[in-house]
């Protein structure tokens, strides 16, 4: 799964569906269509957070390996 799909799934899980006149839309669909700048900004934040968490995990792993030596 690519990052956009991961982000869309996270956004949809967090925000839920929106029903307008009986038609259901996902939050990611609405945000992309109505405010693509906000969508891209939130996506960039999401990617930065993922990278930060990955870097922290690698740092912890390096520390654990250093303690074992």
C-alpha atoms as a PDB file:
ATOM      1  CA  UNK A   1       0.000   0.000   0.000  1.00  0.00           C
ATOM      2  CA  UNK A   2       1.387   3.423  -0.826  1.00  0.00           C
ATOM      3  CA  UNK A   3       1.661   6.371   1.539  1.00  0.00           C
ATOM      4  CA  UNK A   4      -1.327   8.209   0.085  1.00  0.00           C
ATOM      5  CA  UNK A   5      -3.554   5.185   0.675  1.00  0.00           C
ATOM      6  CA  UNK A   6      -2.194   4.822   4.216  1.00  0.00           C
ATOM      7  CA  UNK A   7      -2.862   8.500   4.865  1.00  0.00           C
ATOM      8  CA  UNK A   8      -6.350   8.337   3.355  1.00  0.00           C
ATOM      9  CA  UNK A   9      -7.176   5.289   5.482  1.00  0.00           C
ATOM     10  CA  UNK A  10      -5.909   7.021   8.634  1.00  0.00           C
ATOM     11  CA  UNK A  11      -7.812  10.207   7.850  1.00  0.00           C
ATOM     12  CA  UNK A  12     -10.990   8.260   7.087  1.00  0.00           C
ATOM     13  CA  UNK A  13     -10.656   6.221  10.295  1.00  0.00           C
ATOM     14  CA  UNK A  14     -10.090   9.356  12.349  1.00  0.00           C
ATOM     15  CA  UNK A  15     -12.778  11.511  10.761  1.00  0.00           C
ATOM     16  CA  UNK A  16     -15.325   8.961   9.629  1.00  0.00           C
ATOM     17  CA  UNK A  17     -17.694   9.147   6.712  1.00  0.00           C
ATOM     18  CA  UNK A  18     -19.804  12.146   5.772  1.00  0.00           C
ATOM     19  CA  UNK A  19     -23.328  11.656   4.448  1.00  0.00           C
ATOM     20  CA  UNK A  20     -24.818  14.362   2.232  1.00  0.00           C
ATOM     21  CA  UNK A  21     -28.358  13.827   0.945  1.00  0.00           C
ATOM     22  CA  UNK A  22     -27.978  10.107   1.508  1.00  0.00           C
ATOM     23  CA  UNK A  23     -24.670   9.850  -0.365  1.00  0.00           C
ATOM     24  CA  UNK A  24     -21.690   8.715   1.692  1.00  0.00           C
ATOM     25  CA  UNK A  25     -18.268  10.236   1.151  1.00  0.00           C
ATOM     26  CA  UNK A  26     -15.005   9.531   2.918  1.00  0.00           C
ATOM     27  CA  UNK A  27     -13.217  12.384   4.661  1.00  0.00           C
ATOM     28  CA  UNK A  28     -10.216  11.973   2.373  1.00  0.00           C
ATOM     29  CA  UNK A  29     -12.412  12.276  -0.756  1.00  0.00           C
ATOM     30  CA  UNK A  30     -13.989  15.469   0.527  1.00  0.00           C
ATOM     31  CA  UNK A  31     -10.748  17.045   1.668  1.00  0.00           C
ATOM     32  CA  UNK A  32      -8.977  16.268  -1.642  1.00  0.00           C
ATOM     33  CA  UNK A  33     -11.860  17.715  -3.658  1.00  0.00           C
ATOM     34  CA  UNK A  34     -12.728  20.744  -1.504  1.00  0.00           C
ATOM     35  CA  UNK A  35      -9.343  21.807  -0.148  1.00  0.00           C
ATOM     36  CA  UNK A  36      -6.442  20.116  -1.920  1.00  0.00           C
ATOM     37  CA  UNK A  37      -3.940  22.466  -0.265  1.00  0.00           C
ATOM     38  CA  UNK A  38      -5.056  21.382   3.204  1.00  0.00           C
ATOM     39  CA  UNK A  39      -4.979  17.757   2.058  1.00  0.00           C
ATOM     40  CA  UNK A  40      -1.378  18.086   0.832  1.00  0.00           C
ATOM     41  CA  UNK A  41      -0.361  19.921   4.003  1.00  0.00           C
ATOM     42  CA  UNK A  42      -1.853  17.233   6.251  1.00  0.00           C
ATOM     43  CA  UNK A  43      -0.289  14.537   4.063  1.00  0.00           C
ATOM     44  CA  UNK A  44       3.135  16.190   4.428  1.00  0.00           C
ATOM     45  CA  UNK A  45       2.678  16.304   8.216  1.00  0.00           C
ATOM     46  CA  UNK A  46       1.691  12.625   8.152  1.00  0.00           C
ATOM     47  CA  UNK A  47       4.793  11.692   6.141  1.00  0.00           C
ATOM     48  CA  UNK A  48       7.067  13.756   8.417  1.00  0.00           C
ATOM     49  CA  UNK A  49       5.593  12.088  11.485  1.00  0.00           C
ATOM     50  CA  UNK A  50       6.100   8.627   9.964  1.00  0.00           C
ATOM     51  CA  UNK A  51       9.742   9.478   9.207  1.00  0.00           C
ATOM     52  CA  UNK A  52      10.258  10.838  12.737  1.00  0.00           C
ATOM     53  CA  UNK A  53       8.827   7.649  14.266  1.00  0.00           C
ATOM     54  CA  UNK A  54      10.997   5.498  11.992  1.00  0.00           C
ATOM     55  CA  UNK A  55      14.103   7.477  12.959  1.00  0.00           C
ATOM     56  CA  UNK A  56      13.262   7.101  16.657  1.00  0.00           C
ATOM     57  CA  UNK A  57      12.794   3.341  16.243  1.00  0.00           C
ATOM     58  CA  UNK A  58      16.182   3.088  14.511  1.00  0.00           C
ATOM     59  CA  UNK A  59      17.821   5.148  17.287  1.00  0.00           C
ATOM     60  CA  UNK A  60      16.326   2.873  19.951  1.00  0.00           C
ATOM     61  CA  UNK A  61      17.491  -0.189  18.052  1.00  0.00           C
ATOM     62  CA  UNK A  62      21.012   1.259  17.785  1.00  0.00           C
ATOM     63  CA  UNK A  63      21.024   1.968  21.534  1.00  0.00           C
ATOM     64  CA  UNK A  64      19.871  -1.576  22.300  1.00  0.00           C
ATOM     65  CA  UNK A  65      22.604  -3.024  20.090  1.00  0.00           C
ATOM     66  CA  UNK A  66      25.196  -0.770  21.787  1.00  0.00           C
ATOM     67  CA  UNK A  67      24.154  -2.037  25.217  1.00  0.00           C
ATOM     68  CA  UNK A  68      24.572  -5.632  24.107  1.00  0.00           C
ATOM     69  CA  UNK A  69      28.246  -5.147  23.163  1.00  0.00           C
END
